[in-house]
Amino acid sequence: SPTVLSLFDLDGTHSLRQIGNSHEDPCSSIDTFSQILLASLDQIYHSSAILDNAKFSTTHELENLVNTKGLIPHVPGTSFQTQ
């Protein structure tokens, strides 16, 4: 902790206090992964394959994407698209 490290820097000339102060958002990797999934979903929703498929379902496509590439599998019967 910075408090403990400061005990070793009595005259304030060392940068020990700065060592513990650089941190990264622990969720940044999950946020990046979510953005990649959303970009993939956007590609699916705007592909020419949906033009030939009268039964195209955005919910089914999202379920399929999450089950194949996602971190947590889809749970049927939930409000999945509102997560």
PDB file of N, CA and C in Angstrom:
ATOM      1  N   SER A   1       0.844  -1.183   0.000  1.00  0.00           N
ATOM      2  CA  SER A   1       0.000   0.000   0.000  1.00  0.00           C
ATOM      3  C   SER A   1       0.887   1.244   0.000  1.00  0.00           C
ATOM      4  N   PRO A   2       0.390   2.327  -0.555  1.00  0.00           N
ATOM      5  CA  PRO A   2       1.172   3.564  -0.568  1.00  0.00           C
ATOM      6  C   PRO A   2       1.542   4.043   0.838  1.00  0.00           C
ATOM      7  N   THR A   3       0.696   3.787   1.810  1.00  0.00           N
ATOM      8  CA  THR A   3       0.987   4.205   3.187  1.00  0.00           C
ATOM      9  C   THR A   3       2.207   3.487   3.726  1.00  0.00           C
ATOM     10  N   VAL A   4       2.278   2.186   3.490  1.00  0.00           N
ATOM     11  CA  VAL A   4       3.421   1.399   3.958  1.00  0.00           C
ATOM     12  C   VAL A   4       4.682   1.808   3.210  1.00  0.00           C
ATOM     13  N   LEU A   5       4.584   1.986   1.899  1.00  0.00           N
ATOM     14  CA  LEU A   5       5.753   2.375   1.113  1.00  0.00           C
ATOM     15  C   LEU A   5       6.303   3.729   1.552  1.00  0.00           C
ATOM     16  N   SER A   6       5.424   4.630   1.959  1.00  0.00           N
ATOM     17  CA  SER A   6       5.892   5.953   2.378  1.00  0.00           C
ATOM     18  C   SER A   6       6.744   5.887   3.643  1.00  0.00           C
ATOM     19  N   LEU A   7       6.627   4.842   4.421  1.00  0.00           N
ATOM     20  CA  LEU A   7       7.451   4.683   5.621  1.00  0.00           C
ATOM     21  C   LEU A   7       8.929   4.522   5.272  1.00  0.00           C
ATOM     22  N   PHE A   8       9.213   4.046   4.063  1.00  0.00           N
ATOM     23  CA  PHE A   8      10.591   3.845   3.622  1.00  0.00           C
ATOM     24  C   PHE A   8      11.141   5.060   2.885  1.00  0.00           C
ATOM     25  N   ASP A   9      10.337   6.063   2.694  1.00  0.00           N
ATOM     26  CA  ASP A   9      10.727   7.280   1.983  1.00  0.00           C
ATOM     27  C   ASP A   9      10.568   8.477   2.920  1.00  0.00           C
ATOM     28  N   LEU A  10      11.370   8.493   3.959  1.00  0.00           N
ATOM     29  CA  LEU A  10      11.214   9.486   5.018  1.00  0.00           C
ATOM     30  C   LEU A  10      11.431  10.919   4.557  1.00  0.00           C
ATOM     31  N   ASP A  11      12.337  11.131   3.611  1.00  0.00           N
ATOM     32  CA  ASP A  11      12.598  12.504   3.177  1.00  0.00           C
ATOM     33  C   ASP A  11      11.835  12.884   1.903  1.00  0.00           C
ATOM     34  N   GLY A  12      11.047  11.960   1.345  1.00  0.00           N
ATOM     35  CA  GLY A  12      10.219  12.264   0.175  1.00  0.00           C
ATOM     36  C   GLY A  12      10.972  12.390  -1.125  1.00  0.00           C
ATOM     37  N   THR A  13      12.190  11.865  -1.205  1.00  0.00           N
ATOM     38  CA  THR A  13      12.990  12.002  -2.420  1.00  0.00           C
ATOM     39  C   THR A  13      12.808  10.845  -3.392  1.00  0.00           C
ATOM     40  N   HIS A  14      12.201   9.772  -2.971  1.00  0.00           N
ATOM     41  CA  HIS A  14      12.040   8.609  -3.852  1.00  0.00           C
ATOM     42  C   HIS A  14      10.615   8.537  -4.397  1.00  0.00           C
ATOM     43  N   SER A  15      10.475   7.829  -5.474  1.00  0.00           N
ATOM     44  CA  SER A  15       9.159   7.730  -6.109  1.00  0.00           C
ATOM     45  C   SER A  15       8.411   6.473  -5.671  1.00  0.00           C
ATOM     46  N   LEU A  16       8.686   6.003  -4.469  1.00  0.00           N
ATOM     47  CA  LEU A  16       8.010   4.795  -3.994  1.00  0.00           C
ATOM     48  C   LEU A  16       6.497   4.974  -3.921  1.00  0.00           C
ATOM     49  N   ARG A  17       6.057   6.178  -3.627  1.00  0.00           N
ATOM     50  CA  ARG A  17       4.618   6.410  -3.498  1.00  0.00           C
ATOM     51  C   ARG A  17       3.894   6.266  -4.830  1.00  0.00           C
ATOM     52  N   GLN A  18       4.598   6.470  -5.908  1.00  0.00           N
ATOM     53  CA  GLN A  18       3.978   6.399  -7.224  1.00  0.00           C
ATOM     54  C   GLN A  18       3.817   4.973  -7.737  1.00  0.00           C
ATOM     55  N   ILE A  19       4.557   4.034  -7.181  1.00  0.00           N
ATOM     56  CA  ILE A  19       4.545   2.661  -7.689  1.00  0.00           C
ATOM     57  C   ILE A  19       3.158   2.046  -7.622  1.00  0.00           C
ATOM     58  N   GLY A  20       2.501   2.173  -6.500  1.00  0.00           N
ATOM     59  CA  GLY A  20       1.201   1.540  -6.328  1.00  0.00           C
ATOM     60  C   GLY A  20       0.031   2.322  -6.877  1.00  0.00           C
ATOM     61  N   ASN A  21       0.281   3.469  -7.486  1.00  0.00           N
ATOM     62  CA  ASN A  21      -0.807   4.323  -7.937  1.00  0.00           C
ATOM     63  C   ASN A  21      -1.202   4.137  -9.394  1.00  0.00           C
ATOM     64  N   SER A  22      -0.460   3.355 -10.139  1.00  0.00           N
ATOM     65  CA  SER A  22      -0.839   3.150 -11.538  1.00  0.00           C
ATOM     66  C   SER A  22      -1.662   1.871 -11.626  1.00  0.00           C
ATOM     67  N   HIS A  23      -2.906   2.039 -11.994  1.00  0.00           N
ATOM     68  CA  HIS A  23      -3.785   0.887 -12.116  1.00  0.00           C
ATOM     69  C   HIS A  23      -4.648   1.040 -13.363  1.00  0.00           C
ATOM     70  N   GLU A  24      -5.168  -0.074 -13.795  1.00  0.00           N
ATOM     71  CA  GLU A  24      -5.998  -0.101 -14.987  1.00  0.00           C
ATOM     72  C   GLU A  24      -7.388  -0.574 -14.595  1.00  0.00           C
ATOM     73  N   ASP A  25      -8.371  -0.112 -15.312  1.00  0.00           N
ATOM     74  CA  ASP A  25      -9.738  -0.546 -15.065  1.00  0.00           C
ATOM     75  C   ASP A  25      -9.808  -2.058 -15.248  1.00  0.00           C
ATOM     76  N   PRO A  26     -10.209  -2.807 -14.233  1.00  0.00           N
ATOM     77  CA  PRO A  26     -10.234  -4.267 -14.342  1.00  0.00           C
ATOM     78  C   PRO A  26     -11.272  -4.771 -15.341  1.00  0.00           C
ATOM     79  N   CYS A  27     -12.185  -3.911 -15.742  1.00  0.00           N
ATOM     80  CA  CYS A  27     -13.231  -4.342 -16.671  1.00  0.00           C
ATOM     81  C   CYS A  27     -12.929  -3.966 -18.121  1.00  0.00           C
ATOM     82  N   SER A  28     -11.787  -3.353 -18.384  1.00  0.00           N
ATOM     83  CA  SER A  28     -11.518  -2.880 -19.746  1.00  0.00           C
ATOM     84  C   SER A  28     -11.464  -4.024 -20.750  1.00  0.00           C
ATOM     85  N   SER A  29     -10.951  -5.171 -20.351  1.00  0.00           N
ATOM     86  CA  SER A  29     -10.902  -6.315 -21.271  1.00  0.00           C
ATOM     87  C   SER A  29     -12.301  -6.831 -21.579  1.00  0.00           C
ATOM     88  N   ILE A  30     -13.162  -6.862 -20.575  1.00  0.00           N
ATOM     89  CA  ILE A  30     -14.544  -7.301 -20.795  1.00  0.00           C
ATOM     90  C   ILE A  30     -15.270  -6.300 -21.687  1.00  0.00           C
ATOM     91  N   ASP A  31     -15.028  -5.013 -21.473  1.00  0.00           N
ATOM     92  CA  ASP A  31     -15.639  -3.988 -22.318  1.00  0.00           C
ATOM     93  C   ASP A  31     -15.194  -4.140 -23.768  1.00  0.00           C
ATOM     94  N   THR A  32     -13.910  -4.386 -23.978  1.00  0.00           N
ATOM     95  CA  THR A  32     -13.388  -4.584 -25.333  1.00  0.00           C
ATOM     96  C   THR A  32     -14.018  -5.811 -25.970  1.00  0.00           C
ATOM     97  N   PHE A  33     -14.104  -6.896 -25.219  1.00  0.00           N
ATOM     98  CA  PHE A  33     -14.714  -8.123 -25.729  1.00  0.00           C
ATOM     99  C   PHE A  33     -16.178  -7.871 -26.106  1.00  0.00           C
ATOM    100  N   SER A  34     -16.895  -7.132 -25.275  1.00  0.00           N
ATOM    101  CA  SER A  34     -18.296  -6.820 -25.569  1.00  0.00           C
ATOM    102  C   SER A  34     -18.421  -6.003 -26.848  1.00  0.00           C
ATOM    103  N   GLN A  35     -17.512  -5.053 -27.051  1.00  0.00           N
ATOM    104  CA  GLN A  35     -17.533  -4.251 -28.271  1.00  0.00           C
ATOM    105  C   GLN A  35     -17.275  -5.111 -29.508  1.00  0.00           C
ATOM    106  N   ILE A  36     -16.374  -6.095 -29.373  1.00  0.00           N
ATOM    107  CA  ILE A  36     -16.098  -7.004 -30.490  1.00  0.00           C
ATOM    108  C   ILE A  36     -17.332  -7.839 -30.804  1.00  0.00           C
ATOM    109  N   LEU A  37     -18.009  -8.345 -29.758  1.00  0.00           N
ATOM    110  CA  LEU A  37     -19.235  -9.120 -29.981  1.00  0.00           C
ATOM    111  C   LEU A  37     -20.310  -8.262 -30.650  1.00  0.00           C
ATOM    112  N   LEU A  38     -20.459  -7.023 -30.201  1.00  0.00           N
ATOM    113  CA  LEU A  38     -21.458  -6.145 -30.808  1.00  0.00           C
ATOM    114  C   LEU A  38     -21.130  -5.836 -32.264  1.00  0.00           C
ATOM    115  N   ALA A  39     -19.861  -5.669 -32.573  1.00  0.00           N
ATOM    116  CA  ALA A  39     -19.460  -5.440 -33.965  1.00  0.00           C
ATOM    117  C   ALA A  39     -19.758  -6.671 -34.815  1.00  0.00           C
ATOM    118  N   SER A  40     -19.513  -7.848 -34.259  1.00  0.00           N
ATOM    119  CA  SER A  40     -19.823  -9.093 -34.971  1.00  0.00           C
ATOM    120  C   SER A  40     -21.325  -9.218 -35.195  1.00  0.00           C
ATOM    121  N   LEU A  41     -22.097  -8.880 -34.179  1.00  0.00           N
ATOM    122  CA  LEU A  41     -23.554  -8.939 -34.292  1.00  0.00           C
ATOM    123  C   LEU A  41     -24.048  -7.957 -35.349  1.00  0.00           C
ATOM    124  N   ASP A  42     -23.460  -6.789 -35.396  1.00  0.00           N
ATOM    125  CA  ASP A  42     -23.816  -5.798 -36.402  1.00  0.00           C
ATOM    126  C   ASP A  42     -23.563  -6.339 -37.807  1.00  0.00           C
ATOM    127  N   GLN A  43     -22.450  -7.035 -37.983  1.00  0.00           N
ATOM    128  CA  GLN A  43     -22.144  -7.636 -39.286  1.00  0.00           C
ATOM    129  C   GLN A  43     -23.182  -8.693 -39.665  1.00  0.00           C
ATOM    130  N   ILE A  44     -23.606  -9.478 -38.686  1.00  0.00           N
ATOM    131  CA  ILE A  44     -24.631 -10.504 -38.943  1.00  0.00           C
ATOM    132  C   ILE A  44     -25.952  -9.844 -39.319  1.00  0.00           C
ATOM    133  N   TYR A  45     -26.365  -8.841 -38.558  1.00  0.00           N
ATOM    134  CA  TYR A  45     -27.649  -8.175 -38.797  1.00  0.00           C
ATOM    135  C   TYR A  45     -27.691  -7.450 -40.140  1.00  0.00           C
ATOM    136  N   HIS A  46     -26.535  -7.047 -40.646  1.00  0.00           N
ATOM    137  CA  HIS A  46     -26.499  -6.313 -41.909  1.00  0.00           C
ATOM    138  C   HIS A  46     -25.934  -7.129 -43.066  1.00  0.00           C
ATOM    139  N   SER A  47     -25.882  -8.434 -42.906  1.00  0.00           N
ATOM    140  CA  SER A  47     -25.356  -9.284 -43.979  1.00  0.00           C
ATOM    141  C   SER A  47     -26.441  -9.558 -45.020  1.00  0.00           C
ATOM    142  N   SER A  48     -26.012  -9.939 -46.197  1.00  0.00           N
ATOM    143  CA  SER A  48     -26.973 -10.251 -47.259  1.00  0.00           C
ATOM    144  C   SER A  48     -27.698 -11.567 -46.992  1.00  0.00           C
ATOM    145  N   ALA A  49     -27.201 -12.380 -46.083  1.00  0.00           N
ATOM    146  CA  ALA A  49     -27.839 -13.661 -45.768  1.00  0.00           C
ATOM    147  C   ALA A  49     -29.251 -13.473 -45.209  1.00  0.00           C
ATOM    148  N   ILE A  50     -29.513 -12.361 -44.562  1.00  0.00           N
ATOM    149  CA  ILE A  50     -30.848 -12.164 -43.992  1.00  0.00           C
ATOM    150  C   ILE A  50     -31.882 -11.847 -45.065  1.00  0.00           C
ATOM    151  N   LEU A  51     -31.432 -11.364 -46.208  1.00  0.00           N
ATOM    152  CA  LEU A  51     -32.365 -11.044 -47.284  1.00  0.00           C
ATOM    153  C   LEU A  51     -33.019 -12.295 -47.852  1.00  0.00           C
ATOM    154  N   ASP A  52     -32.311 -13.412 -47.806  1.00  0.00           N
ATOM    155  CA  ASP A  52     -32.816 -14.667 -48.349  1.00  0.00           C
ATOM    156  C   ASP A  52     -33.486 -15.535 -47.292  1.00  0.00           C
ATOM    157  N   ASN A  53     -33.620 -15.040 -46.076  1.00  0.00           N
ATOM    158  CA  ASN A  53     -34.137 -15.847 -44.985  1.00  0.00           C
ATOM    159  C   ASN A  53     -35.352 -15.162 -44.364  1.00  0.00           C
ATOM    160  N   ALA A  54     -36.543 -15.628 -44.732  1.00  0.00           N
ATOM    161  CA  ALA A  54     -37.776 -15.036 -44.212  1.00  0.00           C
ATOM    162  C   ALA A  54     -37.956 -15.306 -42.722  1.00  0.00           C
ATOM    163  N   LYS A  55     -37.273 -16.302 -42.208  1.00  0.00           N
ATOM    164  CA  LYS A  55     -37.400 -16.664 -40.791  1.00  0.00           C
ATOM    165  C   LYS A  55     -36.247 -16.110 -39.951  1.00  0.00           C
ATOM    166  N   PHE A  56     -35.555 -15.110 -40.465  1.00  0.00           N
ATOM    167  CA  PHE A  56     -34.427 -14.528 -39.733  1.00  0.00           C
ATOM    168  C   PHE A  56     -34.899 -13.985 -38.390  1.00  0.00           C
ATOM    169  N   SER A  57     -34.186 -14.328 -37.346  1.00  0.00           N
ATOM    170  CA  SER A  57     -34.531 -13.883 -35.995  1.00  0.00           C
ATOM    171  C   SER A  57     -33.306 -13.240 -35.353  1.00  0.00           C
ATOM    172  N   THR A  58     -33.441 -11.980 -34.982  1.00  0.00           N
ATOM    173  CA  THR A  58     -32.326 -11.300 -34.328  1.00  0.00           C
ATOM    174  C   THR A  58     -31.993 -11.968 -32.996  1.00  0.00           C
ATOM    175  N   THR A  59     -33.027 -12.431 -32.301  1.00  0.00           N
ATOM    176  CA  THR A  59     -32.802 -13.110 -31.019  1.00  0.00           C
ATOM    177  C   THR A  59     -32.034 -14.402 -31.223  1.00  0.00           C
ATOM    178  N   HIS A  60     -32.406 -15.167 -32.234  1.00  0.00           N
ATOM    179  CA  HIS A  60     -31.697 -16.424 -32.507  1.00  0.00           C
ATOM    180  C   HIS A  60     -30.241 -16.156 -32.902  1.00  0.00           C
ATOM    181  N   GLU A  61     -30.010 -15.145 -33.711  1.00  0.00           N
ATOM    182  CA  GLU A  61     -28.643 -14.831 -34.130  1.00  0.00           C
ATOM    183  C   GLU A  61     -27.788 -14.385 -32.946  1.00  0.00           C
ATOM    184  N   LEU A  62     -28.364 -13.575 -32.064  1.00  0.00           N
ATOM    185  CA  LEU A  62     -27.639 -13.156 -30.868  1.00  0.00           C
ATOM    186  C   LEU A  62     -27.351 -14.357 -29.974  1.00  0.00           C
ATOM    187  N   GLU A  63     -28.344 -15.224 -29.787  1.00  0.00           N
ATOM    188  CA  GLU A  63     -28.154 -16.438 -28.990  1.00  0.00           C
ATOM    189  C   GLU A  63     -27.033 -17.293 -29.572  1.00  0.00           C
ATOM    190  N   ASN A  64     -27.039 -17.478 -30.874  1.00  0.00           N
ATOM    191  CA  ASN A  64     -26.012 -18.286 -31.535  1.00  0.00           C
ATOM    192  C   ASN A  64     -24.621 -17.671 -31.363  1.00  0.00           C
ATOM    193  N   LEU A  65     -24.518 -16.371 -31.550  1.00  0.00           N
ATOM    194  CA  LEU A  65     -23.226 -15.690 -31.399  1.00  0.00           C
ATOM    195  C   LEU A  65     -22.699 -15.820 -29.973  1.00  0.00           C
ATOM    196  N   VAL A  66     -23.553 -15.584 -29.001  1.00  0.00           N
ATOM    197  CA  VAL A  66     -23.125 -15.652 -27.600  1.00  0.00           C
ATOM    198  C   VAL A  66     -22.747 -17.078 -27.217  1.00  0.00           C
ATOM    199  N   ASN A  67     -23.484 -18.064 -27.717  1.00  0.00           N
ATOM    200  CA  ASN A  67     -23.160 -19.457 -27.388  1.00  0.00           C
ATOM    201  C   ASN A  67     -21.874 -19.934 -28.051  1.00  0.00           C
ATOM    202  N   THR A  68     -21.511 -19.348 -29.181  1.00  0.00           N
ATOM    203  CA  THR A  68     -20.288 -19.785 -29.863  1.00  0.00           C
ATOM    204  C   THR A  68     -19.071 -18.933 -29.510  1.00  0.00           C
ATOM    205  N   LYS A  69     -19.270 -17.654 -29.211  1.00  0.00           N
ATOM    206  CA  LYS A  69     -18.135 -16.753 -28.963  1.00  0.00           C
ATOM    207  C   LYS A  69     -18.167 -16.063 -27.601  1.00  0.00           C
ATOM    208  N   GLY A  70     -19.278 -16.139 -26.902  1.00  0.00           N
ATOM    209  CA  GLY A  70     -19.441 -15.390 -25.660  1.00  0.00           C
ATOM    210  C   GLY A  70     -18.780 -16.025 -24.454  1.00  0.00           C
ATOM    211  N   LEU A  71     -18.787 -15.288 -23.367  1.00  0.00           N
ATOM    212  CA  LEU A  71     -18.204 -15.749 -22.113  1.00  0.00           C
ATOM    213  C   LEU A  71     -19.205 -16.534 -21.276  1.00  0.00           C
ATOM    214  N   ILE A  72     -20.466 -16.127 -21.317  1.00  0.00           N
ATOM    215  CA  ILE A  72     -21.525 -16.763 -20.537  1.00  0.00           C
ATOM    216  C   ILE A  72     -22.590 -17.232 -21.518  1.00  0.00           C
ATOM    217  N   PRO A  73     -22.992 -18.510 -21.464  1.00  0.00           N
ATOM    218  CA  PRO A  73     -23.973 -19.016 -22.424  1.00  0.00           C
ATOM    219  C   PRO A  73     -25.360 -18.385 -22.246  1.00  0.00           C
ATOM    220  N   HIS A  74     -26.098 -18.390 -23.332  1.00  0.00           N
ATOM    221  CA  HIS A  74     -27.471 -17.890 -23.340  1.00  0.00           C
ATOM    222  C   HIS A  74     -28.348 -18.780 -22.465  1.00  0.00           C
ATOM    223  N   VAL A  75     -29.278 -18.159 -21.739  1.00  0.00           N
ATOM    224  CA  VAL A  75     -30.244 -18.901 -20.924  1.00  0.00           C
ATOM    225  C   VAL A  75     -31.616 -18.689 -21.551  1.00  0.00           C
ATOM    226  N   PRO A  76     -32.203 -19.763 -22.123  1.00  0.00           N
ATOM    227  CA  PRO A  76     -33.517 -19.627 -22.764  1.00  0.00           C
ATOM    228  C   PRO A  76     -34.576 -19.100 -21.791  1.00  0.00           C
ATOM    229  N   GLY A  77     -35.495 -18.303 -22.310  1.00  0.00           N
ATOM    230  CA  GLY A  77     -36.595 -17.790 -21.511  1.00  0.00           C
ATOM    231  C   GLY A  77     -36.268 -16.548 -20.700  1.00  0.00           C
ATOM    232  N   THR A  78     -35.090 -15.982 -20.900  1.00  0.00           N
ATOM    233  CA  THR A  78     -34.724 -14.770 -20.168  1.00  0.00           C
ATOM    234  C   THR A  78     -34.799 -13.566 -21.099  1.00  0.00           C
ATOM    235  N   SER A  79     -34.704 -12.384 -20.549  1.00  0.00           N
ATOM    236  CA  SER A  79     -34.671 -11.153 -21.344  1.00  0.00           C
ATOM    237  C   SER A  79     -33.243 -10.914 -21.795  1.00  0.00           C
ATOM    238  N   PHE A  80     -32.754 -11.805 -22.610  1.00  0.00           N
ATOM    239  CA  PHE A  80     -31.338 -11.847 -22.931  1.00  0.00           C
ATOM    240  C   PHE A  80     -30.844 -10.587 -23.627  1.00  0.00           C
ATOM    241  N   GLN A  81     -31.630 -10.055 -24.545  1.00  0.00           N
ATOM    242  CA  GLN A  81     -31.150  -8.903 -25.312  1.00  0.00           C
ATOM    243  C   GLN A  81     -31.123  -7.618 -24.502  1.00  0.00           C
ATOM    244  N   THR A  82     -31.651  -7.634 -23.315  1.00  0.00           N
ATOM    245  CA  THR A  82     -31.654  -6.418 -22.498  1.00  0.00           C
ATOM    246  C   THR A  82     -30.538  -6.396 -21.474  1.00  0.00           C
ATOM    247  N   GLN A  83     -29.593  -7.313 -21.544  1.00  0.00           N
ATOM    248  CA  GLN A  83     -28.497  -7.348 -20.573  1.00  0.00           C
ATOM    249  C   GLN A  83     -27.656  -6.105 -20.676  1.00  0.00           C
TER     250      GLN A  83
END
